[in-house]
PDB file of N, CA and C in Angstrom:
ATOM      1  N   MET A   1     -17.006 -35.070  12.780  1.00  0.00           N
ATOM      2  CA  MET A   1     -18.188 -35.307  12.708  1.00  0.00           C
ATOM      3  C   MET A   1     -18.142 -37.212  12.562  1.00  0.00           C
ATOM      4  N   SER A   2     -19.967 -37.382  12.979  1.00  0.00           N
ATOM      5  CA  SER A   2     -20.426 -38.665  13.647  1.00  0.00           C
ATOM      6  C   SER A   2     -21.136 -39.215  12.381  1.00  0.00           C
ATOM      7  N   SER A   3     -20.204 -40.185  12.103  1.00  0.00           N
ATOM      8  CA  SER A   3     -21.200 -41.399  10.917  1.00  0.00           C
ATOM      9  C   SER A   3     -22.390 -41.614  11.620  1.00  0.00           C
ATOM     10  N   PRO A   4     -22.876 -42.113  10.013  1.00  0.00           N
ATOM     11  CA  PRO A   4     -24.352 -42.784  10.508  1.00  0.00           C
ATOM     12  C   PRO A   4     -24.489 -43.693  10.468  1.00  0.00           C
ATOM     13  N   SER A   5     -25.324 -44.690  10.940  1.00  0.00           N
ATOM     14  CA  SER A   5     -25.040 -45.822  11.024  1.00  0.00           C
ATOM     15  C   SER A   5     -26.590 -46.524  11.155  1.00  0.00           C
ATOM     16  N   ARG A   6     -26.925 -47.724  10.765  1.00  0.00           N
ATOM     17  CA  ARG A   6     -27.937 -48.785  10.435  1.00  0.00           C
ATOM     18  C   ARG A   6     -28.582 -48.878  11.775  1.00  0.00           C
ATOM     19  N   SER A   7     -29.138 -49.718  11.954  1.00  0.00           N
ATOM     20  CA  SER A   7     -29.950 -50.286  12.882  1.00  0.00           C
ATOM     21  C   SER A   7     -28.925 -50.545  14.129  1.00  0.00           C
ATOM     22  N   ASP A   8     -27.970 -51.605  12.962  1.00  0.00           N
ATOM     23  CA  ASP A   8     -27.326 -52.989  13.636  1.00  0.00           C
ATOM     24  C   ASP A   8     -26.039 -52.465  13.781  1.00  0.00           C
ATOM     25  N   GLY A   9     -25.264 -51.294  13.558  1.00  0.00           N
ATOM     26  CA  GLY A   9     -24.818 -50.497  14.661  1.00  0.00           C
ATOM     27  C   GLY A   9     -23.401 -49.953  13.387  1.00  0.00           C
ATOM     28  N   ARG A  10     -23.803 -50.863  12.420  1.00  0.00           N
ATOM     29  CA  ARG A  10     -22.323 -50.777  11.236  1.00  0.00           C
ATOM     30  C   ARG A  10     -23.080 -49.587  10.124  1.00  0.00           C
ATOM     31  N   PRO A  11     -21.574 -48.916   9.962  1.00  0.00           N
ATOM     32  CA  PRO A  11     -21.816 -47.858   9.184  1.00  0.00           C
ATOM     33  C   PRO A  11     -22.566 -47.767   8.086  1.00  0.00           C
ATOM     34  N   VAL A  12     -23.424 -46.552   7.514  1.00  0.00           N
ATOM     35  CA  VAL A  12     -23.577 -46.534   6.340  1.00  0.00           C
ATOM     36  C   VAL A  12     -22.494 -46.282   5.116  1.00  0.00           C
ATOM     37  N   SER A  13     -22.757 -47.415   4.472  1.00  0.00           N
ATOM     38  CA  SER A  13     -22.083 -47.105   3.226  1.00  0.00           C
ATOM     39  C   SER A  13     -21.577 -45.486   2.770  1.00  0.00           C
ATOM     40  N   GLY A  14     -20.256 -45.634   2.144  1.00  0.00           N
ATOM     41  CA  GLY A  14     -19.951 -44.444   1.502  1.00  0.00           C
ATOM     42  C   GLY A  14     -19.789 -42.828   2.351  1.00  0.00           C
ATOM     43  N   SER A  15     -20.545 -43.432   3.865  1.00  0.00           N
ATOM     44  CA  SER A  15     -19.902 -41.967   4.827  1.00  0.00           C
ATOM     45  C   SER A  15     -18.854 -42.106   5.250  1.00  0.00           C
ATOM     46  N   ARG A  16     -17.887 -42.680   5.046  1.00  0.00           N
ATOM     47  CA  ARG A  16     -16.428 -42.311   5.548  1.00  0.00           C
ATOM     48  C   ARG A  16     -16.274 -41.485   4.250  1.00  0.00           C
ATOM     49  N   ASP A  17     -16.297 -42.139   3.457  1.00  0.00           N
ATOM     50  CA  ASP A  17     -16.310 -41.444   1.976  1.00  0.00           C
ATOM     51  C   ASP A  17     -16.777 -39.733   2.322  1.00  0.00           C
ATOM     52  N   ILE A  18     -17.649 -39.226   2.869  1.00  0.00           N
ATOM     53  CA  ILE A  18     -18.503 -38.271   2.408  1.00  0.00           C
ATOM     54  C   ILE A  18     -17.571 -37.422   3.573  1.00  0.00           C
ATOM     55  N   ASP A  19     -16.983 -37.813   5.316  1.00  0.00           N
ATOM     56  CA  ASP A  19     -16.578 -37.343   6.145  1.00  0.00           C
ATOM     57  C   ASP A  19     -14.995 -37.055   5.376  1.00  0.00           C
ATOM     58  N   ALA A  20     -14.844 -37.917   4.533  1.00  0.00           N
ATOM     59  CA  ALA A  20     -13.038 -37.195   4.260  1.00  0.00           C
ATOM     60  C   ALA A  20     -13.068 -36.445   3.416  1.00  0.00           C
ATOM     61  N   SER A  21     -14.134 -36.322   2.437  1.00  0.00           N
ATOM     62  CA  SER A  21     -14.455 -35.321   1.468  1.00  0.00           C
ATOM     63  C   SER A  21     -14.532 -33.390   1.979  1.00  0.00           C
ATOM     64  N   VAL A  22     -15.268 -34.143   3.171  1.00  0.00           N
ATOM     65  CA  VAL A  22     -15.877 -32.703   3.711  1.00  0.00           C
ATOM     66  C   VAL A  22     -14.169 -32.357   4.549  1.00  0.00           C
ATOM     67  N   ARG A  23     -13.856 -32.900   5.004  1.00  0.00           N
ATOM     68  CA  ARG A  23     -12.471 -32.767   5.867  1.00  0.00           C
ATOM     69  C   ARG A  23     -12.041 -32.596   4.928  1.00  0.00           C
ATOM     70  N   ASP A  24     -11.289 -32.817   4.175  1.00  0.00           N
ATOM     71  CA  ASP A  24     -10.430 -32.095   2.542  1.00  0.00           C
ATOM     72  C   ASP A  24     -10.704 -31.133   2.391  1.00  0.00           C
ATOM     73  N   ALA A  25     -12.278 -30.599   2.160  1.00  0.00           N
ATOM     74  CA  ALA A  25     -13.042 -29.353   2.149  1.00  0.00           C
ATOM     75  C   ALA A  25     -12.832 -28.283   2.857  1.00  0.00           C
ATOM     76  N   ILE A  26     -12.520 -28.657   3.665  1.00  0.00           N
ATOM     77  CA  ILE A  26     -12.914 -27.825   5.407  1.00  0.00           C
ATOM     78  C   ILE A  26     -11.333 -26.978   4.943  1.00  0.00           C
ATOM     79  N   GLU A  27      -9.932 -28.083   5.138  1.00  0.00           N
ATOM     80  CA  GLU A  27      -8.676 -28.320   4.514  1.00  0.00           C
ATOM     81  C   GLU A  27      -8.305 -27.763   3.946  1.00  0.00           C
ATOM     82  N   ASP A  28      -8.850 -28.128   2.529  1.00  0.00           N
ATOM     83  CA  ASP A  28      -8.616 -26.915   1.312  1.00  0.00           C
ATOM     84  C   ASP A  28      -9.287 -25.089   1.527  1.00  0.00           C
ATOM     85  N   PHE A  29     -10.381 -25.274   2.509  1.00  0.00           N
ATOM     86  CA  PHE A  29     -10.698 -23.829   2.360  1.00  0.00           C
ATOM     87  C   PHE A  29      -9.728 -23.754   3.686  1.00  0.00           C
ATOM     88  N   ALA A  30      -9.323 -23.551   4.271  1.00  0.00           N
ATOM     89  CA  ALA A  30      -8.348 -23.141   5.754  1.00  0.00           C
ATOM     90  C   ALA A  30      -7.512 -23.218   4.738  1.00  0.00           C
ATOM     91  N   ARG A  31      -6.257 -23.502   4.221  1.00  0.00           N
ATOM     92  CA  ARG A  31      -5.276 -23.414   3.192  1.00  0.00           C
ATOM     93  C   ARG A  31      -5.494 -22.137   2.205  1.00  0.00           C
ATOM     94  N   HIS A  32      -6.736 -22.006   1.690  1.00  0.00           N
ATOM     95  CA  HIS A  32      -6.860 -21.460   1.076  1.00  0.00           C
ATOM     96  C   HIS A  32      -6.842 -20.079   1.906  1.00  0.00           C
ATOM     97  N   SER A  33      -7.929 -19.820   3.283  1.00  0.00           N
ATOM     98  CA  SER A  33      -7.526 -18.698   3.156  1.00  0.00           C
ATOM     99  C   SER A  33      -7.128 -18.877   4.525  1.00  0.00           C
ATOM    100  N   ARG A  34      -5.744 -19.132   4.755  1.00  0.00           N
ATOM    101  CA  ARG A  34      -4.240 -18.720   5.308  1.00  0.00           C
ATOM    102  C   ARG A  34      -3.713 -18.045   4.162  1.00  0.00           C
ATOM    103  N   LYS A  35      -3.607 -18.172   3.015  1.00  0.00           N
ATOM    104  CA  LYS A  35      -3.054 -17.498   1.529  1.00  0.00           C
ATOM    105  C   LYS A  35      -3.419 -16.667   1.008  1.00  0.00           C
ATOM    106  N   ASN A  36      -5.135 -16.107   1.416  1.00  0.00           N
ATOM    107  CA  ASN A  36      -5.519 -14.838   1.223  1.00  0.00           C
ATOM    108  C   ASN A  36      -4.903 -13.989   2.266  1.00  0.00           C
ATOM    109  N   SER A  37      -4.879 -14.525   2.975  1.00  0.00           N
ATOM    110  CA  SER A  37      -4.764 -14.009   4.452  1.00  0.00           C
ATOM    111  C   SER A  37      -3.792 -13.035   4.223  1.00  0.00           C
ATOM    112  N   GLU A  38      -2.038 -14.208   3.699  1.00  0.00           N
ATOM    113  CA  GLU A  38      -1.542 -14.197   4.036  1.00  0.00           C
ATOM    114  C   GLU A  38      -0.570 -12.940   2.776  1.00  0.00           C
ATOM    115  N   ALA A  39      -1.614 -12.806   1.348  1.00  0.00           N
ATOM    116  CA  ALA A  39      -1.402 -12.116  -0.006  1.00  0.00           C
ATOM    117  C   ALA A  39      -1.965 -10.197   0.444  1.00  0.00           C
ATOM    118  N   ILE A  40      -3.399 -10.905   1.437  1.00  0.00           N
ATOM    119  CA  ILE A  40      -3.437  -9.381   1.849  1.00  0.00           C
ATOM    120  C   ILE A  40      -2.678  -8.987   3.172  1.00  0.00           C
ATOM    121  N   ASP A  41      -1.944  -9.554   3.961  1.00  0.00           N
ATOM    122  CA  ASP A  41      -0.821  -8.491   4.611  1.00  0.00           C
ATOM    123  C   ASP A  41       0.152  -7.977   3.490  1.00  0.00           C
ATOM    124  N   VAL A  42       0.788  -8.746   2.546  1.00  0.00           N
ATOM    125  CA  VAL A  42       1.555  -8.004   1.314  1.00  0.00           C
ATOM    126  C   VAL A  42       1.068  -7.113   0.610  1.00  0.00           C
ATOM    127  N   LEU A  43      -0.036  -7.605   0.465  1.00  0.00           N
ATOM    128  CA  LEU A  43      -0.688  -6.043  -0.133  1.00  0.00           C
ATOM    129  C   LEU A  43      -1.033  -4.630   1.349  1.00  0.00           C
ATOM    130  N   VAL A  44      -1.102  -5.121   2.311  1.00  0.00           N
ATOM    131  CA  VAL A  44      -1.187  -3.209   2.948  1.00  0.00           C
ATOM    132  C   VAL A  44       0.014  -3.340   3.612  1.00  0.00           C
ATOM    133  N   HIS A  45       0.814  -3.579   3.392  1.00  0.00           N
ATOM    134  CA  HIS A  45       2.239  -3.766   3.664  1.00  0.00           C
ATOM    135  C   HIS A  45       3.380  -2.855   2.465  1.00  0.00           C
ATOM    136  N   ALA A  46       2.736  -3.194   1.496  1.00  0.00           N
ATOM    137  CA  ALA A  46       3.312  -2.708   0.415  1.00  0.00           C
ATOM    138  C   ALA A  46       2.796  -1.405   0.166  1.00  0.00           C
ATOM    139  N   LEU A  47       0.557  -1.142   0.512  1.00  0.00           N
ATOM    140  CA  LEU A  47       0.015   0.028   0.776  1.00  0.00           C
ATOM    141  C   LEU A  47       1.277   1.446   0.996  1.00  0.00           C
ATOM    142  N   LYS A  48       0.997   0.592   2.175  1.00  0.00           N
ATOM    143  CA  LYS A  48       1.614   1.003   3.609  1.00  0.00           C
ATOM    144  C   LYS A  48       2.809   2.280   3.137  1.00  0.00           C
ATOM    145  N   ALA A  49       3.971   1.325   2.480  1.00  0.00           N
ATOM    146  CA  ALA A  49       5.241   2.173   1.629  1.00  0.00           C
ATOM    147  C   ALA A  49       4.536   2.961   1.044  1.00  0.00           C
ATOM    148  N   VAL A  50       3.967   2.239   0.096  1.00  0.00           N
ATOM    149  CA  VAL A  50       4.188   3.193  -1.051  1.00  0.00           C
ATOM    150  C   VAL A  50       3.065   4.919  -0.201  1.00  0.00           C
ATOM    151  N   HIS A  51       2.299   4.722   0.064  1.00  0.00           N
ATOM    152  CA  HIS A  51       1.990   5.851   1.398  1.00  0.00           C
ATOM    153  C   HIS A  51       3.143   6.749   1.722  1.00  0.00           C
ATOM    154  N   GLN A  52       3.305   6.080   2.727  1.00  0.00           N
ATOM    155  CA  GLN A  52       5.038   6.357   2.990  1.00  0.00           C
ATOM    156  C   GLN A  52       5.701   7.469   2.073  1.00  0.00           C
ATOM    157  N   ASP A  53       5.843   6.501   0.835  1.00  0.00           N
ATOM    158  CA  ASP A  53       6.714   7.264  -0.274  1.00  0.00           C
ATOM    159  C   ASP A  53       6.454   8.327  -0.859  1.00  0.00           C
ATOM    160  N   LEU A  54       4.569   7.828  -0.998  1.00  0.00           N
ATOM    161  CA  LEU A  54       4.098   9.682  -1.648  1.00  0.00           C
ATOM    162  C   LEU A  54       3.708  10.971  -0.487  1.00  0.00           C
ATOM    163  N   GLN A  55       4.023  10.196   0.946  1.00  0.00           N
ATOM    164  CA  GLN A  55       4.017  11.621   1.646  1.00  0.00           C
ATOM    165  C   GLN A  55       5.641  11.662   1.907  1.00  0.00           C
ATOM    166  N   ASP A  56       6.408  10.746   1.350  1.00  0.00           N
ATOM    167  CA  ASP A  56       7.778  11.415   1.601  1.00  0.00           C
ATOM    168  C   ASP A  56       7.932  12.718   0.493  1.00  0.00           C
ATOM    169  N   GLU A  57       7.315  12.751  -1.100  1.00  0.00           N
ATOM    170  CA  GLU A  57       7.252  12.845  -1.747  1.00  0.00           C
ATOM    171  C   GLU A  57       7.035  14.398  -1.576  1.00  0.00           C
ATOM    172  N   LYS A  58       5.626  14.303  -1.306  1.00  0.00           N
ATOM    173  CA  LYS A  58       4.612  15.722  -0.804  1.00  0.00           C
ATOM    174  C   LYS A  58       5.270  16.888  -0.295  1.00  0.00           C
ATOM    175  N   MET A  59       6.512  16.209   0.992  1.00  0.00           N
ATOM    176  CA  MET A  59       6.713  17.155   2.173  1.00  0.00           C
ATOM    177  C   MET A  59       8.303  17.358   0.736  1.00  0.00           C
ATOM    178  N   GLN A  60       8.758  16.766   0.074  1.00  0.00           N
ATOM    179  CA  GLN A  60       9.875  17.099  -0.477  1.00  0.00           C
ATOM    180  C   GLN A  60       9.685  17.701  -1.978  1.00  0.00           C
ATOM    181  N   THR A  61       8.832  18.158  -2.647  1.00  0.00           N
ATOM    182  CA  THR A  61       8.007  18.466  -3.343  1.00  0.00           C
ATOM    183  C   THR A  61       7.482  20.007  -2.745  1.00  0.00           C
ATOM    184  N   GLN A  62       7.076  20.395  -1.328  1.00  0.00           N
ATOM    185  CA  GLN A  62       6.706  21.832  -0.232  1.00  0.00           C
ATOM    186  C   GLN A  62       8.077  21.913  -0.824  1.00  0.00           C
ATOM    187  N   VAL A  63       8.991  21.833   0.332  1.00  0.00           N
ATOM    188  CA  VAL A  63      10.042  21.882   0.189  1.00  0.00           C
ATOM    189  C   VAL A  63      10.948  22.379  -0.871  1.00  0.00           C
ATOM    190  N   LEU A  64      11.168  21.675  -2.044  1.00  0.00           N
ATOM    191  CA  LEU A  64      11.003  22.406  -3.794  1.00  0.00           C
ATOM    192  C   LEU A  64      11.026  23.824  -3.768  1.00  0.00           C
ATOM    193  N   GLU A  65       9.307  23.743  -3.373  1.00  0.00           N
ATOM    194  CA  GLU A  65       8.313  24.622  -3.781  1.00  0.00           C
ATOM    195  C   GLU A  65       8.770  25.564  -3.311  1.00  0.00           C
ATOM    196  N   ALA A  66       9.325  25.492  -2.326  1.00  0.00           N
ATOM    197  CA  ALA A  66       9.395  26.870  -0.598  1.00  0.00           C
ATOM    198  C   ALA A  66      10.860  27.241  -1.490  1.00  0.00           C
ATOM    199  N   ARG A  67      11.687  26.244  -1.915  1.00  0.00           N
ATOM    200  CA  ARG A  67      12.861  27.053  -2.197  1.00  0.00           C
ATOM    201  C   ARG A  67      13.042  27.999  -3.224  1.00  0.00           C
ATOM    202  N   LEU A  68      12.024  27.176  -4.521  1.00  0.00           N
ATOM    203  CA  LEU A  68      12.068  28.331  -5.777  1.00  0.00           C
ATOM    204  C   LEU A  68      11.021  29.750  -5.478  1.00  0.00           C
ATOM    205  N   LYS A  69      10.323  29.274  -4.647  1.00  0.00           N
ATOM    206  CA  LYS A  69       9.581  31.114  -4.198  1.00  0.00           C
ATOM    207  C   LYS A  69      10.871  31.471  -3.878  1.00  0.00           C
ATOM    208  N   ASP A  70      11.552  30.939  -2.812  1.00  0.00           N
ATOM    209  CA  ASP A  70      13.114  32.098  -2.490  1.00  0.00           C
ATOM    210  C   ASP A  70      13.358  32.271  -3.671  1.00  0.00           C
ATOM    211  N   ALA A  71      13.934  31.502  -4.012  1.00  0.00           N
ATOM    212  CA  ALA A  71      15.251  31.910  -5.031  1.00  0.00           C
ATOM    213  C   ALA A  71      14.157  33.034  -6.368  1.00  0.00           C
ATOM    214  N   GLU A  72      13.248  32.646  -6.681  1.00  0.00           N
ATOM    215  CA  GLU A  72      12.048  34.031  -7.672  1.00  0.00           C
ATOM    216  C   GLU A  72      12.125  34.999  -6.432  1.00  0.00           C
ATOM    217  N   ALA A  73      12.062  35.556  -5.074  1.00  0.00           N
ATOM    218  CA  ALA A  73      11.639  36.483  -4.742  1.00  0.00           C
ATOM    219  C   ALA A  73      13.439  36.859  -4.692  1.00  0.00           C
ATOM    220  N   ALA A  74      14.682  36.083  -4.712  1.00  0.00           N
ATOM    221  CA  ALA A  74      15.969  37.359  -4.168  1.00  0.00           C
ATOM    222  C   ALA A  74      16.215  37.115  -5.765  1.00  0.00           C
ATOM    223  N   VAL A  75      15.650  36.819  -6.835  1.00  0.00           N
ATOM    224  CA  VAL A  75      16.056  36.895  -8.734  1.00  0.00           C
ATOM    225  C   VAL A  75      15.153  38.652  -8.484  1.00  0.00           C
ATOM    226  N   SER A  76      13.853  38.529  -8.403  1.00  0.00           N
ATOM    227  CA  SER A  76      13.332  39.412  -8.604  1.00  0.00           C
ATOM    228  C   SER A  76      13.681  40.762  -7.601  1.00  0.00           C
ATOM    229  N   ARG A  77      14.816  40.532  -6.221  1.00  0.00           N
ATOM    230  CA  ARG A  77      14.840  41.373  -5.674  1.00  0.00           C
ATOM    231  C   ARG A  77      16.252  41.945  -6.160  1.00  0.00           C
ATOM    232  N   LEU A  78      17.276  41.247  -7.022  1.00  0.00           N
ATOM    233  CA  LEU A  78      18.700  41.318  -7.642  1.00  0.00           C
ATOM    234  C   LEU A  78      18.185  41.996  -8.568  1.00  0.00           C
ATOM    235  N   GLY A  79      17.314  41.618  -9.144  1.00  0.00           N
ATOM    236  CA  GLY A  79      16.621  42.628 -10.957  1.00  0.00           C
ATOM    237  C   GLY A  79      16.384  43.966 -10.352  1.00  0.00           C
ATOM    238  N   ARG A  80      15.460  44.487  -8.784  1.00  0.00           N
ATOM    239  CA  ARG A  80      16.181  45.335  -8.751  1.00  0.00           C
ATOM    240  C   ARG A  80      16.489  46.401  -8.166  1.00  0.00           C
ATOM    241  N   VAL A  81      17.744  45.695  -8.170  1.00  0.00           N
ATOM    242  CA  VAL A  81      18.874  46.111  -7.886  1.00  0.00           C
ATOM    243  C   VAL A  81      19.932  46.524  -8.642  1.00  0.00           C
ATOM    244  N   VAL A  82      19.700  45.449 -10.066  1.00  0.00           N
ATOM    245  CA  VAL A  82      20.758  46.081 -11.086  1.00  0.00           C
ATOM    246  C   VAL A  82      19.822  47.420 -11.879  1.00  0.00           C
ATOM    247  N   GLU A  83      18.470  47.012 -12.116  1.00  0.00           N
ATOM    248  CA  GLU A  83      18.142  48.099 -12.417  1.00  0.00           C
ATOM    249  C   GLU A  83      18.323  49.641 -11.617  1.00  0.00           C
ATOM    250  N   ALA A  84      18.363  49.476 -10.528  1.00  0.00           N
ATOM    251  CA  ALA A  84      18.857  50.757  -9.513  1.00  0.00           C
ATOM    252  C   ALA A  84      20.028  51.110 -10.160  1.00  0.00           C
ATOM    253  N   LEU A  85      20.711  50.396 -10.363  1.00  0.00           N
ATOM    254  CA  LEU A  85      22.069  50.607 -10.511  1.00  0.00           C
ATOM    255  C   LEU A  85      22.103  51.215 -12.121  1.00  0.00           C
ATOM    256  N   ARG A  86      21.104  50.750 -12.880  1.00  0.00           N
ATOM    257  CA  ARG A  86      21.482  51.162 -14.526  1.00  0.00           C
ATOM    258  C   ARG A  86      21.447  52.426 -14.007  1.00  0.00           C
ATOM    259  N   ARG A  87      19.832  52.606 -13.925  1.00  0.00           N
ATOM    260  CA  ARG A  87      19.420  54.293 -13.245  1.00  0.00           C
ATOM    261  C   ARG A  87      20.403  55.201 -12.881  1.00  0.00           C
ATOM    262  N   GLN A  88      21.509  54.687 -12.201  1.00  0.00           N
ATOM    263  CA  GLN A  88      22.092  55.740 -11.446  1.00  0.00           C
ATOM    264  C   GLN A  88      23.397  55.476 -12.761  1.00  0.00           C
ATOM    265  N   GLY A  89      23.801  54.255 -13.744  1.00  0.00           N
ATOM    266  CA  GLY A  89      24.866  54.504 -14.289  1.00  0.00           C
ATOM    267  C   GLY A  89      25.745  53.426 -14.446  1.00  0.00           C
ATOM    268  N   TRP A  90      25.542  53.046 -13.350  1.00  0.00           N
ATOM    269  CA  TRP A  90      26.763  51.897 -12.792  1.00  0.00           C
ATOM    270  C   TRP A  90      26.632  50.911 -13.883  1.00  0.00           C
ATOM    271  N   VAL A  91      25.631  50.628 -14.000  1.00  0.00           N
ATOM    272  CA  VAL A  91      25.449  48.957 -15.334  1.00  0.00           C
ATOM    273  C   VAL A  91      25.142  49.918 -16.249  1.00  0.00           C
ATOM    274  N   GLN A  92      25.584  49.324 -17.763  1.00  0.00           N
ATOM    275  CA  GLN A  92      24.840  49.566 -19.372  1.00  0.00           C
ATOM    276  C   GLN A  92      23.960  48.098 -19.539  1.00  0.00           C
TER     277      GLN A  92
END
């Protein structure tokens, strides 16, 4: 950024302070931008991990539900066998 100058070539009073303030503001903005970018990266990583955990839990739930269904079917078959044995007098 160039400093304004008078007709005699000398810089206008305070323009260096303004330039320094603008540079500081730009540096602050860049620093905050980097911090925000890092925070976003951390959040994205965390959300991906949570998503993976949810997918794993969903898969585990499906496996357990299938096992439960199979177990309920086996118990039902066993109940029919016991009932048949009871009708035949083998079980009281």
